Amino acid sequence: MNFSKILQKGKSKSKKDKTSPLRLALGLTLVLIGLVIILGRDNLPTIYSTSFESEPVKIEGLSFSELKEEKIPKRIVIPQIFTDLEVKKSNIVGGYWEVFEDTAGWGIGSGIPGEKGNQVIFAHAKEGLFLPLRSIKVGSQIYVLTDSDWYKYEIKEIKEVYPNQVEVIAPTEDETLTLYTCSGFADTKRLIVVAKPS
């Protein structure tokens, strides 16, 4: 029996197996690029975050009383990680908070700065948004600005949770700021930063 021929056949077969997932990924990428070109960027539907969209938003117990615009968070500044972001009001659409591609969102119905409750601010985990949160430390300062004032918070806890652990965005008895973004392998977890007034 010629073992060298058998080994060569095995090698050539494994080479094909290694390249086929790469070819498949490349093919899918080209198809997606083609769709974007054909449809045109302006004709594409609004894209909601795929990492947030499968996550239920627990809206029971949230206050939907009329808010004065000057009390809603408009900007978040985290000096330690050189983050300075606009914050937009994020409505609930089909049971989910809207997630913006280019800025942070404040979940409507969550708390507001300076008052009891859990104000939830979230953004994608990408450069220019909340990706730097991965290197934040307990004790770091966060500033939330509204049209009429600014509020200082100190980070008390940093943790990772699974998407179904929605208790992290539930109302609180005291004033709390919760920052929320994706984390873990393939965005399977959520990075939660909990801060209190300081």
C-alpha atoms as a PDB file:
ATOM      1  CA  MET A   1       0.000   0.000   0.000  1.00  0.00           C
ATOM      2  CA  ASN A   2       1.302   3.481  -0.918  1.00  0.00           C
ATOM      3  CA  PHE A   3       0.818   5.617   2.188  1.00  0.00           C
ATOM      4  CA  SER A   4       2.331   8.764   0.667  1.00  0.00           C
ATOM      5  CA  LYS A   5      -0.456   8.869  -1.990  1.00  0.00           C
ATOM      6  CA  ILE A   6      -3.126   8.420   0.690  1.00  0.00           C
ATOM      7  CA  LEU A   7      -1.595  11.236   2.782  1.00  0.00           C
ATOM      8  CA  GLN A   8      -1.439  13.564  -0.261  1.00  0.00           C
ATOM      9  CA  LYS A   9      -5.124  12.894  -1.030  1.00  0.00           C
ATOM     10  CA  GLY A  10      -5.977  13.661   2.601  1.00  0.00           C
ATOM     11  CA  LYS A  11      -3.981  16.911   2.465  1.00  0.00           C
ATOM     12  CA  SER A  12      -5.630  18.137  -0.724  1.00  0.00           C
ATOM     13  CA  LYS A  13      -9.074  17.340   0.668  1.00  0.00           C
ATOM     14  CA  SER A  14      -8.437  19.253   3.899  1.00  0.00           C
ATOM     15  CA  LYS A  15      -7.170  22.244   1.867  1.00  0.00           C
ATOM     16  CA  LYS A  16     -10.513  22.417   0.040  1.00  0.00           C
ATOM     17  CA  ASP A  17     -12.401  22.173   3.347  1.00  0.00           C
ATOM     18  CA  LYS A  18     -10.431  25.091   4.802  1.00  0.00           C
ATOM     19  CA  THR A  19     -11.054  27.429   1.885  1.00  0.00           C
ATOM     20  CA  SER A  20     -14.730  26.765   1.363  1.00  0.00           C
ATOM     21  CA  PRO A  21     -16.004  28.700   4.453  1.00  0.00           C
ATOM     22  CA  LEU A  22     -13.796  31.605   3.375  1.00  0.00           C
ATOM     23  CA  ARG A  23     -15.238  31.488  -0.140  1.00  0.00           C
ATOM     24  CA  LEU A  24     -18.760  31.312   1.271  1.00  0.00           C
ATOM     25  CA  ALA A  25     -18.176  34.350   3.509  1.00  0.00           C
ATOM     26  CA  LEU A  26     -16.642  36.279   0.611  1.00  0.00           C
ATOM     27  CA  GLY A  27     -19.590  35.366  -1.629  1.00  0.00           C
ATOM     28  CA  LEU A  28     -22.137  36.494   0.965  1.00  0.00           C
ATOM     29  CA  THR A  29     -20.268  39.769   1.474  1.00  0.00           C
ATOM     30  CA  LEU A  30     -20.289  40.454  -2.269  1.00  0.00           C
ATOM     31  CA  VAL A  31     -24.020  39.692  -2.473  1.00  0.00           C
ATOM     32  CA  LEU A  32     -24.729  42.143   0.385  1.00  0.00           C
ATOM     33  CA  ILE A  33     -22.600  44.847  -1.252  1.00  0.00           C
ATOM     34  CA  GLY A  34     -24.485  44.247  -4.506  1.00  0.00           C
ATOM     35  CA  LEU A  35     -27.848  44.646  -2.752  1.00  0.00           C
ATOM     36  CA  VAL A  36     -26.751  47.932  -1.199  1.00  0.00           C
ATOM     37  CA  ILE A  37     -25.603  49.214  -4.611  1.00  0.00           C
ATOM     38  CA  ILE A  38     -28.786  48.059  -6.367  1.00  0.00           C
ATOM     39  CA  LEU A  39     -31.218  49.349  -3.731  1.00  0.00           C
ATOM     40  CA  GLY A  40     -29.271  52.502  -2.943  1.00  0.00           C
ATOM     41  CA  ARG A  41     -28.528  53.650   0.584  1.00  0.00           C
ATOM     42  CA  ASP A  42     -31.495  56.068   0.679  1.00  0.00           C
ATOM     43  CA  ASN A  43     -33.984  53.305  -0.195  1.00  0.00           C
ATOM     44  CA  LEU A  44     -32.869  50.937   2.551  1.00  0.00           C
ATOM     45  CA  PRO A  45     -35.261  50.514   5.493  1.00  0.00           C
ATOM     46  CA  THR A  46     -34.338  51.822   8.946  1.00  0.00           C
ATOM     47  CA  ILE A  47     -31.960  49.290  10.457  1.00  0.00           C
ATOM     48  CA  TYR A  48     -32.441  48.411  14.083  1.00  0.00           C
ATOM     49  CA  SER A  49     -29.612  46.826  15.976  1.00  0.00           C
ATOM     50  CA  THR A  50     -29.550  43.093  15.376  1.00  0.00           C
ATOM     51  CA  SER A  51     -27.883  42.658  18.732  1.00  0.00           C
ATOM     52  CA  PHE A  52     -30.619  44.509  20.629  1.00  0.00           C
ATOM     53  CA  GLU A  53     -33.681  43.566  18.578  1.00  0.00           C
ATOM     54  CA  SER A  54     -34.206  40.107  20.047  1.00  0.00           C
ATOM     55  CA  GLU A  55     -34.129  41.462  23.557  1.00  0.00           C
ATOM     56  CA  PRO A  56     -37.417  42.185  25.293  1.00  0.00           C
ATOM     57  CA  VAL A  57     -37.808  45.603  26.900  1.00  0.00           C
ATOM     58  CA  LYS A  58     -39.707  45.375  30.143  1.00  0.00           C
ATOM     59  CA  ILE A  59     -41.944  48.428  29.961  1.00  0.00           C
ATOM     60  CA  GLU A  60     -44.327  47.645  32.800  1.00  0.00           C
ATOM     61  CA  GLY A  61     -43.711  49.935  35.735  1.00  0.00           C
ATOM     62  CA  LEU A  62     -42.014  52.562  33.585  1.00  0.00           C
ATOM     63  CA  SER A  63     -43.376  56.075  33.903  1.00  0.00           C
ATOM     64  CA  PHE A  64     -44.752  57.633  30.744  1.00  0.00           C
ATOM     65  CA  SER A  65     -45.883  60.913  32.249  1.00  0.00           C
ATOM     66  CA  GLU A  66     -45.267  63.960  30.117  1.00  0.00           C
ATOM     67  CA  LEU A  67     -41.650  65.020  30.437  1.00  0.00           C
ATOM     68  CA  LYS A  68     -40.314  68.480  29.965  1.00  0.00           C
ATOM     69  CA  GLU A  69     -37.785  68.431  27.143  1.00  0.00           C
ATOM     70  CA  GLU A  70     -35.182  70.279  29.251  1.00  0.00           C
ATOM     71  CA  LYS A  71     -35.047  67.351  31.740  1.00  0.00           C
ATOM     72  CA  ILE A  72     -34.240  64.653  29.180  1.00  0.00           C
ATOM     73  CA  PRO A  73     -30.564  63.603  28.790  1.00  0.00           C
ATOM     74  CA  LYS A  74     -29.002  65.232  25.718  1.00  0.00           C
ATOM     75  CA  ARG A  75     -25.314  64.399  26.124  1.00  0.00           C
ATOM     76  CA  ILE A  76     -23.115  61.932  28.010  1.00  0.00           C
ATOM     77  CA  VAL A  77     -19.454  62.590  28.808  1.00  0.00           C
ATOM     78  CA  ILE A  78     -17.084  59.960  30.246  1.00  0.00           C
ATOM     79  CA  PRO A  79     -13.647  61.602  30.593  1.00  0.00           C
ATOM     80  CA  GLN A  80     -11.693  58.446  31.497  1.00  0.00           C
ATOM     81  CA  ILE A  81     -12.443  56.850  28.108  1.00  0.00           C
ATOM     82  CA  PHE A  82     -12.599  60.101  26.095  1.00  0.00           C
ATOM     83  CA  THR A  83     -16.289  59.651  25.315  1.00  0.00           C
ATOM     84  CA  ASP A  84     -18.542  62.608  24.518  1.00  0.00           C
ATOM     85  CA  LEU A  85     -21.801  61.591  22.819  1.00  0.00           C
ATOM     86  CA  GLU A  86     -25.101  63.123  21.867  1.00  0.00           C
ATOM     87  CA  VAL A  87     -28.041  61.308  23.473  1.00  0.00           C
ATOM     88  CA  LYS A  88     -31.340  61.055  21.580  1.00  0.00           C
ATOM     89  CA  LYS A  89     -34.734  60.163  23.008  1.00  0.00           C
ATOM     90  CA  SER A  90     -35.404  56.542  22.067  1.00  0.00           C
ATOM     91  CA  ASN A  91     -39.042  55.563  21.602  1.00  0.00           C
ATOM     92  CA  ILE A  92     -40.417  52.058  22.061  1.00  0.00           C
ATOM     93  CA  VAL A  93     -41.212  50.523  18.678  1.00  0.00           C
ATOM     94  CA  GLY A  94     -42.823  47.090  18.630  1.00  0.00           C
ATOM     95  CA  GLY A  95     -41.715  46.385  22.198  1.00  0.00           C
ATOM     96  CA  TYR A  96     -38.094  47.490  21.703  1.00  0.00           C
ATOM     97  CA  TRP A  97     -36.244  50.717  22.302  1.00  0.00           C
ATOM     98  CA  GLU A  98     -34.902  52.221  19.082  1.00  0.00           C
ATOM     99  CA  VAL A  99     -31.124  51.856  18.787  1.00  0.00           C
ATOM    100  CA  PHE A 100     -29.354  54.550  16.798  1.00  0.00           C
ATOM    101  CA  GLU A 101     -26.430  53.873  14.477  1.00  0.00           C
ATOM    102  CA  ASP A 102     -24.563  57.108  15.192  1.00  0.00           C
ATOM    103  CA  THR A 103     -25.356  58.176  18.749  1.00  0.00           C
ATOM    104  CA  ALA A 104     -26.491  57.026  22.191  1.00  0.00           C
ATOM    105  CA  GLY A 105     -30.152  56.624  23.125  1.00  0.00           C
ATOM    106  CA  TRP A 106     -32.054  57.356  26.330  1.00  0.00           C
ATOM    107  CA  GLY A 107     -34.886  54.886  26.785  1.00  0.00           C
ATOM    108  CA  ILE A 108     -38.166  56.727  27.030  1.00  0.00           C
ATOM    109  CA  GLY A 109     -39.971  55.684  30.188  1.00  0.00           C
ATOM    110  CA  SER A 110     -36.736  55.189  32.110  1.00  0.00           C
ATOM    111  CA  GLY A 111     -35.561  57.624  34.795  1.00  0.00           C
ATOM    112  CA  ILE A 112     -34.386  61.173  34.270  1.00  0.00           C
ATOM    113  CA  PRO A 113     -31.335  62.914  35.751  1.00  0.00           C
ATOM    114  CA  GLY A 114     -31.751  64.346  39.226  1.00  0.00           C
ATOM    115  CA  GLU A 115     -34.784  62.224  40.140  1.00  0.00           C
ATOM    116  CA  LYS A 116     -35.428  58.763  41.580  1.00  0.00           C
ATOM    117  CA  GLY A 117     -35.467  56.000  38.981  1.00  0.00           C
ATOM    118  CA  ASN A 118     -33.205  54.099  36.621  1.00  0.00           C
ATOM    119  CA  GLN A 119     -32.223  56.201  33.619  1.00  0.00           C
ATOM    120  CA  VAL A 120     -31.021  53.885  30.857  1.00  0.00           C
ATOM    121  CA  ILE A 121     -28.606  55.151  28.198  1.00  0.00           C
ATOM    122  CA  PHE A 122     -27.404  52.711  25.550  1.00  0.00           C
ATOM    123  CA  ALA A 123     -25.430  52.587  22.321  1.00  0.00           C
ATOM    124  CA  HIS A 124     -23.782  50.128  19.976  1.00  0.00           C
ATOM    125  CA  ALA A 125     -20.425  48.675  21.015  1.00  0.00           C
ATOM    126  CA  LYS A 126     -18.473  50.295  18.191  1.00  0.00           C
ATOM    127  CA  GLU A 127     -15.800  52.964  17.779  1.00  0.00           C
ATOM    128  CA  GLY A 128     -17.139  56.425  18.460  1.00  0.00           C
ATOM    129  CA  LEU A 129     -19.972  55.019  20.598  1.00  0.00           C
ATOM    130  CA  PHE A 130     -19.850  52.663  23.627  1.00  0.00           C
ATOM    131  CA  LEU A 131     -16.992  50.347  22.577  1.00  0.00           C
ATOM    132  CA  PRO A 132     -14.579  52.113  24.999  1.00  0.00           C
ATOM    133  CA  LEU A 133     -16.820  51.091  27.928  1.00  0.00           C
ATOM    134  CA  ARG A 134     -14.914  47.789  27.883  1.00  0.00           C
ATOM    135  CA  SER A 135     -11.975  49.550  29.552  1.00  0.00           C
ATOM    136  CA  ILE A 136     -13.937  51.647  32.098  1.00  0.00           C
ATOM    137  CA  LYS A 137     -13.213  51.208  35.821  1.00  0.00           C
ATOM    138  CA  VAL A 138     -15.319  51.353  38.981  1.00  0.00           C
ATOM    139  CA  GLY A 139     -14.968  54.833  40.485  1.00  0.00           C
ATOM    140  CA  SER A 140     -14.843  56.606  37.116  1.00  0.00           C
ATOM    141  CA  GLN A 141     -16.976  59.719  36.645  1.00  0.00           C
ATOM    142  CA  ILE A 142     -19.832  60.124  34.154  1.00  0.00           C
ATOM    143  CA  TYR A 143     -21.557  63.406  33.322  1.00  0.00           C
ATOM    144  CA  VAL A 144     -25.074  63.584  31.899  1.00  0.00           C
ATOM    145  CA  LEU A 145     -26.137  66.922  30.425  1.00  0.00           C
ATOM    146  CA  THR A 146     -29.666  68.156  29.843  1.00  0.00           C
ATOM    147  CA  ASP A 147     -30.790  71.440  28.294  1.00  0.00           C
ATOM    148  CA  SER A 148     -31.022  73.001  31.739  1.00  0.00           C
ATOM    149  CA  ASP A 149     -28.338  71.341  33.902  1.00  0.00           C
ATOM    150  CA  TRP A 150     -25.579  68.730  34.246  1.00  0.00           C
ATOM    151  CA  TYR A 151     -25.356  65.735  36.589  1.00  0.00           C
ATOM    152  CA  LYS A 152     -22.317  63.878  37.914  1.00  0.00           C
ATOM    153  CA  TYR A 153     -22.310  60.129  38.561  1.00  0.00           C
ATOM    154  CA  GLU A 154     -19.726  57.662  39.857  1.00  0.00           C
ATOM    155  CA  ILE A 155     -19.502  54.104  38.532  1.00  0.00           C
ATOM    156  CA  LYS A 156     -20.315  51.601  41.287  1.00  0.00           C
ATOM    157  CA  GLU A 157     -20.633  48.336  39.354  1.00  0.00           C
ATOM    158  CA  ILE A 158     -19.649  46.816  36.007  1.00  0.00           C
ATOM    159  CA  LYS A 159     -21.036  43.454  34.947  1.00  0.00           C
ATOM    160  CA  GLU A 160     -21.976  41.280  31.994  1.00  0.00           C
ATOM    161  CA  VAL A 161     -25.453  39.792  31.712  1.00  0.00           C
ATOM    162  CA  TYR A 162     -27.425  37.790  29.178  1.00  0.00           C
ATOM    163  CA  PRO A 163     -29.984  39.617  27.007  1.00  0.00           C
ATOM    164  CA  ASN A 164     -32.937  38.099  28.886  1.00  0.00           C
ATOM    165  CA  GLN A 165     -31.737  39.553  32.212  1.00  0.00           C
ATOM    166  CA  VAL A 166     -33.901  42.656  31.798  1.00  0.00           C
ATOM    167  CA  GLU A 167     -33.940  43.390  35.523  1.00  0.00           C
ATOM    168  CA  VAL A 168     -30.882  45.588  34.899  1.00  0.00           C
ATOM    169  CA  ILE A 169     -33.125  48.154  33.180  1.00  0.00           C
ATOM    170  CA  ALA A 170     -35.997  47.893  35.668  1.00  0.00           C
ATOM    171  CA  PRO A 171     -37.019  50.964  37.700  1.00  0.00           C
ATOM    172  CA  THR A 172     -35.056  51.630  40.906  1.00  0.00           C
ATOM    173  CA  GLU A 173     -36.011  53.254  44.222  1.00  0.00           C
ATOM    174  CA  ASP A 174     -33.034  55.610  44.100  1.00  0.00           C
ATOM    175  CA  GLU A 175     -31.436  57.687  41.335  1.00  0.00           C
ATOM    176  CA  THR A 176     -29.431  55.332  39.109  1.00  0.00           C
ATOM    177  CA  LEU A 177     -27.716  55.662  35.748  1.00  0.00           C
ATOM    178  CA  THR A 178     -27.387  52.445  33.754  1.00  0.00           C
ATOM    179  CA  LEU A 179     -25.214  52.315  30.635  1.00  0.00           C
ATOM    180  CA  TYR A 180     -25.946  49.382  28.368  1.00  0.00           C
ATOM    181  CA  THR A 181     -24.139  47.964  25.346  1.00  0.00           C
ATOM    182  CA  CYS A 182     -23.229  44.684  23.667  1.00  0.00           C
ATOM    183  CA  SER A 183     -20.449  42.440  24.854  1.00  0.00           C
ATOM    184  CA  GLY A 184     -19.177  38.889  24.718  1.00  0.00           C
ATOM    185  CA  PHE A 185     -18.519  36.620  21.744  1.00  0.00           C
ATOM    186  CA  ALA A 186     -20.710  37.628  18.773  1.00  0.00           C
ATOM    187  CA  ASP A 187     -22.550  40.124  21.011  1.00  0.00           C
ATOM    188  CA  THR A 188     -24.184  37.339  23.011  1.00  0.00           C
ATOM    189  CA  LYS A 189     -23.959  39.276  26.301  1.00  0.00           C
ATOM    190  CA  ARG A 190     -24.620  42.805  27.526  1.00  0.00           C
ATOM    191  CA  LEU A 191     -22.130  45.039  29.303  1.00  0.00           C
ATOM    192  CA  ILE A 192     -23.864  46.934  32.101  1.00  0.00           C
ATOM    193  CA  VAL A 193     -22.346  49.923  33.884  1.00  0.00           C
ATOM    194  CA  VAL A 194     -24.238  51.099  36.968  1.00  0.00           C
ATOM    195  CA  ALA A 195     -23.557  54.567  38.379  1.00  0.00           C
ATOM    196  CA  LYS A 196     -24.944  56.659  41.233  1.00  0.00           C
ATOM    197  CA  PRO A 197     -24.943  60.441  41.828  1.00  0.00           C
ATOM    198  CA  SER A 198     -21.718  61.745  43.326  1.00  0.00           C
END
